[in-house]
Each structure stands twice: as structure tokens, then as C-alpha cells.
N, C-alpha and C. Protein backbone atom coordinates (compact mmCIF):
# COMPACT_ATOMS: atom_id res chain seq x y z
N MET A 1 9.38 -97.89 -23.51
CA MET A 1 9.98 -98.22 -22.25
C MET A 1 9.54 -97.24 -21.16
N ALA A 2 9.43 -95.96 -21.48
CA ALA A 2 9.00 -94.97 -20.50
C ALA A 2 7.56 -95.20 -20.07
N ASP A 3 6.77 -95.85 -20.93
CA ASP A 3 5.37 -96.12 -20.59
C ASP A 3 5.22 -97.25 -19.59
N ASP A 4 6.30 -98.02 -19.34
CA ASP A 4 6.25 -99.14 -18.40
C ASP A 4 6.28 -98.68 -16.94
N VAL A 5 6.57 -97.42 -16.70
CA VAL A 5 6.67 -96.90 -15.35
C VAL A 5 5.27 -96.77 -14.76
N SER A 6 5.11 -97.25 -13.53
CA SER A 6 3.79 -97.13 -12.88
C SER A 6 3.79 -95.95 -11.93
N ASN A 7 2.62 -95.45 -11.64
CA ASN A 7 2.46 -94.32 -10.73
C ASN A 7 2.89 -94.74 -9.33
N ALA A 8 3.76 -93.95 -8.71
CA ALA A 8 4.24 -94.27 -7.37
C ALA A 8 3.15 -94.09 -6.32
N ILE A 9 2.11 -93.35 -6.66
CA ILE A 9 1.00 -93.11 -5.73
C ILE A 9 -0.25 -93.82 -6.23
N ASP A 10 -0.77 -94.68 -5.38
CA ASP A 10 -2.09 -95.28 -5.62
C ASP A 10 -3.07 -94.37 -4.91
N PHE A 11 -3.84 -93.60 -5.66
CA PHE A 11 -4.73 -92.62 -5.04
C PHE A 11 -5.90 -93.25 -4.29
N ASP A 12 -6.01 -94.57 -4.35
CA ASP A 12 -7.00 -95.28 -3.52
C ASP A 12 -6.40 -95.69 -2.17
N ASP A 13 -5.07 -95.71 -2.07
CA ASP A 13 -4.38 -96.04 -0.82
C ASP A 13 -3.11 -95.20 -0.73
N ILE A 14 -3.29 -93.90 -0.52
CA ILE A 14 -2.18 -92.95 -0.53
C ILE A 14 -1.17 -93.25 0.57
N LYS A 15 -1.65 -93.48 1.77
CA LYS A 15 -0.77 -93.71 2.92
C LYS A 15 0.18 -94.88 2.66
N GLN A 16 -0.35 -95.98 2.21
CA GLN A 16 0.47 -97.17 1.92
C GLN A 16 1.49 -96.88 0.82
N SER A 17 1.09 -96.15 -0.21
CA SER A 17 2.01 -95.82 -1.31
C SER A 17 3.17 -94.96 -0.83
N VAL A 18 2.86 -93.97 -0.01
CA VAL A 18 3.90 -93.07 0.50
C VAL A 18 4.84 -93.83 1.43
N GLU A 19 4.28 -94.64 2.32
CA GLU A 19 5.12 -95.39 3.26
C GLU A 19 6.00 -96.41 2.54
N LYS A 20 5.57 -96.89 1.40
CA LYS A 20 6.38 -97.81 0.60
C LYS A 20 7.64 -97.09 0.11
N SER A 21 7.51 -95.80 -0.20
CA SER A 21 8.64 -95.02 -0.70
C SER A 21 9.50 -94.42 0.41
N LEU A 22 8.87 -93.91 1.47
CA LEU A 22 9.59 -93.16 2.50
C LEU A 22 9.72 -93.87 3.84
N GLY A 23 9.07 -95.00 3.99
CA GLY A 23 9.07 -95.66 5.29
C GLY A 23 7.93 -95.13 6.14
N ARG A 24 7.73 -95.77 7.29
CA ARG A 24 6.61 -95.40 8.15
C ARG A 24 7.05 -94.34 9.16
N THR A 25 6.80 -93.10 8.85
CA THR A 25 7.06 -91.98 9.76
C THR A 25 5.84 -91.07 9.74
N PRO A 26 4.74 -91.46 10.41
CA PRO A 26 3.50 -90.70 10.31
C PRO A 26 3.60 -89.26 10.80
N GLU A 27 4.54 -88.99 11.70
CA GLU A 27 4.72 -87.61 12.17
C GLU A 27 5.76 -86.86 11.33
N GLY A 28 6.49 -87.58 10.51
CA GLY A 28 7.56 -86.98 9.72
C GLY A 28 7.19 -86.78 8.27
N TRP A 29 8.16 -87.08 7.39
CA TRP A 29 7.99 -86.81 5.97
C TRP A 29 6.87 -87.62 5.34
N SER A 30 6.69 -88.86 5.75
CA SER A 30 5.61 -89.64 5.12
C SER A 30 4.25 -89.07 5.50
N GLY A 31 4.13 -88.53 6.72
CA GLY A 31 2.88 -87.88 7.11
C GLY A 31 2.61 -86.63 6.29
N LEU A 32 3.66 -85.80 6.10
CA LEU A 32 3.51 -84.59 5.27
C LEU A 32 3.14 -84.95 3.83
N THR A 33 3.80 -85.96 3.30
CA THR A 33 3.56 -86.35 1.91
C THR A 33 2.19 -86.99 1.74
N THR A 34 1.76 -87.78 2.72
CA THR A 34 0.41 -88.36 2.67
C THR A 34 -0.64 -87.26 2.68
N LYS A 35 -0.43 -86.27 3.54
CA LYS A 35 -1.36 -85.13 3.60
C LYS A 35 -1.39 -84.39 2.26
N LEU A 36 -0.22 -84.18 1.67
CA LEU A 36 -0.13 -83.51 0.37
C LEU A 36 -0.97 -84.24 -0.68
N PHE A 37 -0.76 -85.53 -0.83
CA PHE A 37 -1.46 -86.25 -1.90
C PHE A 37 -2.93 -86.47 -1.59
N THR A 38 -3.30 -86.43 -0.32
CA THR A 38 -4.73 -86.45 0.03
C THR A 38 -5.38 -85.15 -0.44
N GLU A 39 -4.68 -84.02 -0.22
CA GLU A 39 -5.20 -82.72 -0.68
C GLU A 39 -5.20 -82.64 -2.21
N VAL A 40 -4.18 -83.21 -2.85
CA VAL A 40 -4.14 -83.24 -4.32
C VAL A 40 -5.32 -84.05 -4.85
N LYS A 41 -5.60 -85.18 -4.23
CA LYS A 41 -6.73 -86.01 -4.66
C LYS A 41 -8.05 -85.25 -4.52
N GLU A 42 -8.24 -84.56 -3.38
CA GLU A 42 -9.46 -83.76 -3.17
C GLU A 42 -9.58 -82.66 -4.22
N TYR A 43 -8.46 -82.00 -4.52
CA TYR A 43 -8.44 -80.94 -5.52
C TYR A 43 -8.82 -81.49 -6.90
N CYS A 44 -8.21 -82.62 -7.28
CA CYS A 44 -8.51 -83.23 -8.59
C CYS A 44 -9.95 -83.69 -8.67
N ASP A 45 -10.47 -84.26 -7.58
CA ASP A 45 -11.87 -84.70 -7.57
C ASP A 45 -12.81 -83.51 -7.72
N GLN A 46 -12.47 -82.41 -7.04
CA GLN A 46 -13.30 -81.21 -7.11
C GLN A 46 -13.28 -80.62 -8.53
N LYS A 47 -12.12 -80.60 -9.16
CA LYS A 47 -11.98 -80.04 -10.50
C LYS A 47 -12.28 -81.06 -11.61
N ARG A 48 -12.51 -82.30 -11.20
CA ARG A 48 -12.72 -83.40 -12.15
C ARG A 48 -11.55 -83.53 -13.12
N ALA A 49 -10.36 -83.40 -12.53
CA ALA A 49 -9.13 -83.51 -13.31
C ALA A 49 -8.48 -84.87 -13.04
N THR A 50 -7.57 -85.25 -13.92
CA THR A 50 -6.86 -86.51 -13.70
C THR A 50 -5.80 -86.30 -12.61
N TYR A 51 -5.52 -87.37 -11.91
CA TYR A 51 -4.51 -87.30 -10.85
C TYR A 51 -3.13 -87.17 -11.49
N PRO A 52 -2.22 -86.48 -10.81
CA PRO A 52 -0.87 -86.34 -11.37
C PRO A 52 -0.15 -87.69 -11.39
N PHE A 53 0.77 -87.83 -12.31
CA PHE A 53 1.58 -89.04 -12.38
C PHE A 53 2.84 -88.80 -11.57
N VAL A 54 3.00 -89.57 -10.51
CA VAL A 54 4.17 -89.43 -9.63
C VAL A 54 5.15 -90.54 -9.99
N VAL A 55 6.30 -90.15 -10.48
CA VAL A 55 7.31 -91.11 -10.92
C VAL A 55 8.01 -91.73 -9.72
N GLN A 56 8.41 -90.87 -8.75
CA GLN A 56 9.17 -91.37 -7.62
C GLN A 56 9.11 -90.39 -6.45
N ILE A 57 9.12 -90.94 -5.24
CA ILE A 57 9.23 -90.15 -4.01
C ILE A 57 10.41 -90.74 -3.25
N LYS A 58 11.36 -89.89 -2.87
CA LYS A 58 12.52 -90.41 -2.14
C LYS A 58 13.24 -89.31 -1.39
N GLU A 59 14.17 -89.74 -0.56
CA GLU A 59 15.09 -88.83 0.11
C GLU A 59 16.42 -88.94 -0.61
N LYS A 60 17.01 -87.80 -0.94
CA LYS A 60 18.31 -87.80 -1.60
C LYS A 60 19.13 -86.65 -1.05
N LEU A 61 20.31 -86.97 -0.57
CA LEU A 61 21.21 -85.97 0.02
C LEU A 61 20.53 -85.17 1.13
N GLY A 62 19.70 -85.84 1.91
CA GLY A 62 19.04 -85.20 3.04
C GLY A 62 17.83 -84.36 2.68
N LYS A 63 17.40 -84.42 1.45
CA LYS A 63 16.26 -83.62 1.00
C LYS A 63 15.17 -84.52 0.44
N LEU A 64 13.91 -84.10 0.60
CA LEU A 64 12.79 -84.83 0.01
C LEU A 64 12.72 -84.52 -1.48
N ARG A 65 12.54 -85.55 -2.28
CA ARG A 65 12.39 -85.38 -3.73
C ARG A 65 11.08 -86.04 -4.16
N ILE A 66 10.30 -85.32 -4.94
CA ILE A 66 9.08 -85.87 -5.53
C ILE A 66 9.16 -85.59 -7.03
N TYR A 67 9.36 -86.65 -7.80
CA TYR A 67 9.43 -86.53 -9.26
C TYR A 67 8.05 -86.83 -9.82
N HIS A 68 7.52 -85.90 -10.59
CA HIS A 68 6.15 -86.06 -11.08
C HIS A 68 5.99 -85.47 -12.48
N ARG A 69 4.88 -85.84 -13.10
CA ARG A 69 4.48 -85.27 -14.39
C ARG A 69 3.11 -84.66 -14.19
N CYS A 70 3.08 -83.36 -14.11
CA CYS A 70 1.81 -82.67 -13.88
C CYS A 70 1.92 -81.25 -14.43
N ASP A 71 0.93 -80.84 -15.20
CA ASP A 71 0.93 -79.51 -15.79
C ASP A 71 0.13 -78.50 -14.98
N ASP A 72 -0.65 -78.95 -14.03
CA ASP A 72 -1.49 -78.07 -13.23
C ASP A 72 -0.62 -77.26 -12.27
N ARG A 73 -0.64 -75.95 -12.43
CA ARG A 73 0.22 -75.08 -11.61
C ARG A 73 -0.14 -75.13 -10.13
N HIS A 74 -1.41 -75.29 -9.82
CA HIS A 74 -1.81 -75.37 -8.41
C HIS A 74 -1.22 -76.61 -7.75
N ILE A 75 -1.29 -77.73 -8.43
CA ILE A 75 -0.71 -78.97 -7.89
C ILE A 75 0.81 -78.84 -7.79
N GLN A 76 1.43 -78.25 -8.79
CA GLN A 76 2.88 -78.02 -8.73
C GLN A 76 3.26 -77.18 -7.53
N SER A 77 2.48 -76.12 -7.26
CA SER A 77 2.79 -75.26 -6.11
C SER A 77 2.55 -76.00 -4.79
N MET A 78 1.55 -76.87 -4.73
CA MET A 78 1.32 -77.67 -3.52
C MET A 78 2.51 -78.60 -3.26
N ILE A 79 3.00 -79.23 -4.31
CA ILE A 79 4.14 -80.14 -4.17
C ILE A 79 5.39 -79.36 -3.77
N THR A 80 5.64 -78.23 -4.41
CA THR A 80 6.80 -77.41 -4.10
C THR A 80 6.77 -76.93 -2.65
N ALA A 81 5.61 -76.49 -2.18
CA ALA A 81 5.48 -76.01 -0.80
C ALA A 81 5.73 -77.14 0.20
N THR A 82 5.23 -78.32 -0.09
CA THR A 82 5.44 -79.46 0.81
C THR A 82 6.91 -79.85 0.85
N ILE A 83 7.57 -79.86 -0.29
CA ILE A 83 9.00 -80.18 -0.32
C ILE A 83 9.79 -79.15 0.47
N ALA A 84 9.48 -77.87 0.29
CA ALA A 84 10.18 -76.81 1.03
C ALA A 84 9.99 -76.97 2.53
N ARG A 85 8.77 -77.29 2.94
CA ARG A 85 8.51 -77.49 4.37
C ARG A 85 9.24 -78.72 4.89
N ALA A 86 9.18 -79.81 4.15
CA ALA A 86 9.84 -81.05 4.58
C ALA A 86 11.34 -80.86 4.73
N ASN A 87 11.94 -80.09 3.86
CA ASN A 87 13.39 -79.92 3.89
C ASN A 87 13.85 -79.04 5.05
N ARG A 88 12.91 -78.50 5.82
CA ARG A 88 13.25 -77.75 7.04
C ARG A 88 12.74 -78.47 8.29
N THR A 89 12.23 -79.70 8.11
CA THR A 89 11.69 -80.45 9.24
C THR A 89 12.32 -81.83 9.31
N CYS A 90 12.23 -82.42 10.49
CA CYS A 90 12.79 -83.74 10.75
C CYS A 90 12.07 -84.81 9.93
N GLU A 91 12.84 -85.69 9.33
CA GLU A 91 12.27 -86.80 8.54
C GLU A 91 11.38 -87.70 9.39
N ARG A 92 11.67 -87.80 10.68
CA ARG A 92 10.96 -88.74 11.55
C ARG A 92 9.80 -88.11 12.32
N CYS A 93 9.98 -86.86 12.81
CA CYS A 93 8.98 -86.31 13.74
C CYS A 93 8.44 -84.94 13.36
N SER A 94 8.96 -84.30 12.35
CA SER A 94 8.54 -82.96 11.87
C SER A 94 8.94 -81.81 12.78
N ASN A 95 9.83 -82.02 13.74
CA ASN A 95 10.39 -80.88 14.47
C ASN A 95 11.27 -80.09 13.51
N ALA A 96 11.61 -78.87 13.88
CA ALA A 96 12.52 -78.07 13.07
C ALA A 96 13.85 -78.81 12.96
N ALA A 97 14.44 -78.80 11.77
CA ALA A 97 15.68 -79.55 11.56
C ALA A 97 16.50 -78.93 10.45
N GLU A 98 17.77 -79.27 10.45
CA GLU A 98 18.71 -78.90 9.40
C GLU A 98 19.35 -80.18 8.88
N THR A 99 19.83 -80.15 7.66
CA THR A 99 20.51 -81.30 7.10
C THR A 99 21.85 -81.48 7.82
N GLN A 100 22.12 -82.72 8.23
CA GLN A 100 23.33 -83.07 8.96
C GLN A 100 24.13 -84.09 8.17
N LEU A 101 25.42 -84.15 8.45
CA LEU A 101 26.28 -85.19 7.90
C LEU A 101 26.52 -86.21 9.00
N LEU A 102 26.01 -87.42 8.80
CA LEU A 102 26.11 -88.48 9.81
C LEU A 102 26.69 -89.72 9.16
N ASP A 103 27.92 -90.04 9.53
CA ASP A 103 28.61 -91.22 8.97
C ASP A 103 28.66 -91.20 7.44
N GLY A 104 28.89 -90.03 6.87
CA GLY A 104 29.00 -89.91 5.42
C GLY A 104 27.67 -89.80 4.69
N TRP A 105 26.56 -89.80 5.42
CA TRP A 105 25.23 -89.69 4.82
C TRP A 105 24.60 -88.37 5.23
N TYR A 106 24.00 -87.69 4.28
CA TYR A 106 23.24 -86.49 4.60
C TYR A 106 21.84 -86.91 5.04
N THR A 107 21.39 -86.33 6.13
CA THR A 107 20.08 -86.65 6.67
C THR A 107 19.50 -85.41 7.33
N THR A 108 18.20 -85.26 7.30
CA THR A 108 17.54 -84.11 7.91
C THR A 108 16.78 -84.59 9.13
N LEU A 109 17.40 -84.38 10.30
CA LEU A 109 16.83 -84.82 11.57
C LEU A 109 16.95 -83.71 12.60
N CYS A 110 15.97 -83.63 13.51
CA CYS A 110 16.07 -82.70 14.63
C CYS A 110 17.15 -83.22 15.57
N CYS A 111 17.56 -82.41 16.55
CA CYS A 111 18.65 -82.85 17.42
C CYS A 111 18.29 -84.10 18.20
N TRP A 112 17.02 -84.25 18.57
CA TRP A 112 16.61 -85.42 19.35
C TRP A 112 16.69 -86.69 18.52
N CYS A 113 16.12 -86.68 17.33
CA CYS A 113 16.15 -87.86 16.46
C CYS A 113 17.57 -88.14 15.97
N ALA A 114 18.33 -87.08 15.69
CA ALA A 114 19.71 -87.26 15.24
C ALA A 114 20.55 -87.92 16.34
N HIS A 115 20.39 -87.47 17.57
CA HIS A 115 21.10 -88.10 18.68
C HIS A 115 20.68 -89.55 18.85
N ASP A 116 19.40 -89.82 18.69
CA ASP A 116 18.89 -91.19 18.81
C ASP A 116 19.55 -92.10 17.78
N VAL A 117 19.58 -91.66 16.53
CA VAL A 117 20.18 -92.46 15.45
C VAL A 117 21.68 -92.62 15.67
N ALA A 118 22.37 -91.50 15.94
CA ALA A 118 23.82 -91.54 16.07
C ALA A 118 24.28 -92.32 17.29
N SER A 119 23.58 -92.19 18.41
CA SER A 119 24.02 -92.90 19.62
C SER A 119 23.79 -94.40 19.51
N LYS A 120 22.85 -94.83 18.68
CA LYS A 120 22.68 -96.27 18.43
C LYS A 120 23.84 -96.81 17.60
N ARG A 121 24.36 -95.99 16.70
CA ARG A 121 25.48 -96.42 15.87
C ARG A 121 26.81 -96.33 16.62
N HIS A 122 26.94 -95.30 17.47
CA HIS A 122 28.20 -95.05 18.18
C HIS A 122 27.90 -94.75 19.65
N PRO A 123 27.61 -95.77 20.46
CA PRO A 123 27.16 -95.54 21.83
C PRO A 123 28.18 -94.86 22.74
N LYS A 124 29.47 -94.93 22.43
CA LYS A 124 30.48 -94.37 23.33
C LYS A 124 31.09 -93.07 22.83
N ARG A 125 30.65 -92.59 21.69
CA ARG A 125 31.25 -91.40 21.09
C ARG A 125 30.38 -90.18 21.33
N LYS A 126 31.00 -89.05 21.67
CA LYS A 126 30.24 -87.80 21.85
C LYS A 126 30.18 -86.98 20.57
N ARG A 127 31.26 -86.95 19.82
CA ARG A 127 31.29 -86.18 18.58
C ARG A 127 30.56 -86.99 17.52
N LEU A 128 29.33 -86.61 17.22
CA LEU A 128 28.46 -87.43 16.40
C LEU A 128 28.28 -86.93 14.97
N PHE A 129 28.39 -85.63 14.76
CA PHE A 129 28.01 -85.06 13.47
C PHE A 129 29.14 -84.26 12.86
N GLY A 130 29.21 -84.30 11.53
CA GLY A 130 30.17 -83.49 10.80
C GLY A 130 31.60 -83.90 11.07
N VAL A 131 32.53 -83.14 10.53
CA VAL A 131 33.95 -83.37 10.73
C VAL A 131 34.51 -82.12 11.37
N ARG A 132 35.11 -82.26 12.53
CA ARG A 132 35.60 -81.10 13.27
C ARG A 132 37.12 -81.06 13.18
N LYS A 133 37.64 -80.12 12.42
CA LYS A 133 39.08 -79.97 12.28
C LYS A 133 39.60 -78.79 13.10
N LYS A 134 38.74 -77.83 13.36
CA LYS A 134 39.11 -76.68 14.17
C LYS A 134 37.90 -76.29 15.01
N PRO A 135 38.09 -75.49 16.05
CA PRO A 135 36.96 -75.13 16.91
C PRO A 135 35.82 -74.46 16.13
N VAL A 136 34.62 -74.77 16.53
CA VAL A 136 33.43 -74.21 15.89
C VAL A 136 33.25 -72.78 16.36
N ARG A 137 33.04 -71.86 15.41
CA ARG A 137 32.91 -70.45 15.76
C ARG A 137 31.51 -69.89 15.49
N ASP A 138 30.67 -70.64 14.79
CA ASP A 138 29.34 -70.10 14.54
C ASP A 138 28.43 -70.39 15.74
N GLN A 139 27.33 -69.69 15.82
CA GLN A 139 26.44 -69.76 16.97
C GLN A 139 25.37 -70.84 16.87
N MET A 140 25.34 -71.60 15.78
CA MET A 140 24.30 -72.60 15.58
C MET A 140 24.81 -74.04 15.63
N THR A 141 26.09 -74.23 15.90
CA THR A 141 26.66 -75.57 15.96
C THR A 141 26.97 -75.94 17.40
N CYS A 142 26.50 -77.11 17.82
CA CYS A 142 26.75 -77.59 19.17
C CYS A 142 28.25 -77.79 19.36
N GLY A 143 28.79 -77.24 20.43
CA GLY A 143 30.21 -77.36 20.71
C GLY A 143 30.63 -78.76 21.14
N VAL A 144 29.69 -79.62 21.47
CA VAL A 144 30.01 -80.98 21.93
C VAL A 144 29.86 -81.99 20.79
N CYS A 145 28.64 -82.13 20.26
CA CYS A 145 28.37 -83.20 19.29
C CYS A 145 28.51 -82.75 17.84
N GLY A 146 28.47 -81.44 17.58
CA GLY A 146 28.60 -80.94 16.22
C GLY A 146 27.29 -80.78 15.48
N TYR A 147 26.15 -81.04 16.16
CA TYR A 147 24.85 -80.88 15.50
C TYR A 147 24.66 -79.42 15.12
N TYR A 148 24.20 -79.19 13.89
CA TYR A 148 23.97 -77.83 13.41
C TYR A 148 22.49 -77.52 13.37
N GLY A 149 22.08 -76.41 13.96
CA GLY A 149 20.72 -75.93 13.76
C GLY A 149 19.92 -75.65 15.00
N GLN A 150 20.19 -76.31 16.12
CA GLN A 150 19.42 -76.06 17.34
C GLN A 150 20.39 -75.95 18.51
N ILE A 151 20.39 -74.79 19.16
CA ILE A 151 21.24 -74.56 20.31
C ILE A 151 20.35 -74.13 21.47
N ASP A 152 20.63 -74.66 22.65
CA ASP A 152 19.90 -74.27 23.85
C ASP A 152 20.45 -72.92 24.31
N ARG A 153 19.67 -71.88 24.16
CA ARG A 153 20.13 -70.52 24.47
C ARG A 153 20.30 -70.28 25.97
N THR A 154 19.74 -71.15 26.81
CA THR A 154 19.93 -70.99 28.26
C THR A 154 21.23 -71.63 28.72
N ASP A 155 21.91 -72.34 27.85
CA ASP A 155 23.15 -73.03 28.18
C ASP A 155 24.33 -72.15 27.82
N ASP A 156 25.28 -71.99 28.73
CA ASP A 156 26.43 -71.12 28.48
C ASP A 156 27.55 -71.83 27.73
N ARG A 157 27.40 -73.12 27.44
CA ARG A 157 28.45 -73.87 26.75
C ARG A 157 28.12 -74.13 25.28
N ASN A 158 27.11 -73.48 24.75
CA ASN A 158 26.76 -73.58 23.32
C ASN A 158 26.49 -75.02 22.90
N ARG A 159 25.55 -75.67 23.62
CA ARG A 159 25.22 -77.07 23.34
C ARG A 159 23.80 -77.18 22.80
N CYS A 160 23.56 -78.25 22.05
CA CYS A 160 22.20 -78.52 21.57
C CYS A 160 21.36 -79.06 22.73
N PRO A 161 20.04 -79.01 22.64
CA PRO A 161 19.19 -79.49 23.74
C PRO A 161 19.46 -80.94 24.15
N ALA A 162 19.78 -81.80 23.19
CA ALA A 162 20.04 -83.21 23.53
C ALA A 162 21.32 -83.35 24.35
N CYS A 163 22.37 -82.59 24.02
CA CYS A 163 23.61 -82.65 24.80
C CYS A 163 23.40 -82.07 26.20
N VAL A 164 22.57 -81.02 26.31
CA VAL A 164 22.26 -80.46 27.62
C VAL A 164 21.56 -81.50 28.47
N LYS A 165 20.57 -82.18 27.90
CA LYS A 165 19.83 -83.19 28.65
C LYS A 165 20.74 -84.36 29.06
N LYS A 166 21.66 -84.75 28.19
CA LYS A 166 22.58 -85.85 28.50
C LYS A 166 23.71 -85.40 29.43
N ASP A 167 23.79 -84.08 29.68
CA ASP A 167 24.84 -83.47 30.49
C ASP A 167 26.24 -83.75 29.93
N TRP A 168 26.35 -83.63 28.60
CA TRP A 168 27.64 -83.79 27.94
C TRP A 168 28.39 -82.49 28.01
């Protein structure tokens, strides 16, 4: 039964394989992952090694997951480095990002993409992220929308760049 699983990456059409798993975000995670497997393919071709078997590529709890079967330490380190980078960047555009709680779902989006997604779901609501039971005291959480990770340091009201631009 385990042998019935097919490789999630078609090394003849890497971009299409990645977009099938992660969606079409050429500047975001699918772009990073496509670049990773293109480099893995070049490495394997150079070493005349077999391509790694990729079981699954997905987002889970706001983090990129790549499940694979590969014994080559260099390929393992390439995959690990890409996952680490992706988990600090926006899924859609690769800007710096932190994992957010949005409508009960964990997602890793920059403040711009997060505001775009949240405002489409809740056009009249300002408090978009997380659950606010008491005033925010840390220096990285927007005092208006609750986005964690990017604060406009020129703003005296401790707001994220998207809230500053919207004049919230």
C-alpha cells in the first residue's frame, strides 16, 4: 500500500507540481519551493543521483511542510533551509511575516496580505487578528488590528503599516 504513493514532484514540470500542492503564489511559498526543487534537480543531475521522493508539500498550522524520503544530507539541508525561510516569510509575496490567527486558522502573511485577506472576509471590522481580551503590552502587536510582527516605528500609536495607511 505504501508503494502506491506517487511522487508529489514531477521533476520534468516542477512549477506545476508545486502549484498543485501550494497554489499559484510565484512570489510566495510556491516560488520558494519551485526554486528549491529546481536546485535539487540540478544537484542530482550533477551528482548523477536519483531525485528525492517527495510524499507531500502543504501548509499546516501556518507553516510550510515538505514530507520526503531522501538520505542525501545536502538535499535534506536544502529542504530544511527553505522551510525555515518560508516560515518567516509571507505565503503570498515573501515579505517578512509572522504566523497569525485569522478566523481560527493559522496563516503566515505579511501585514499587507493579511489585511487584504481579512478585510475581504470582514469589510467593516477593524480588529482582524487574534483574540484581544486585555490591552496589548508588547511592542510588536498592532494596537488597532492585532497583527503581530510588523509595527511602523514612525507611528506614535503602535500600529502596523497597513493600519497607518488606512488611517485606522
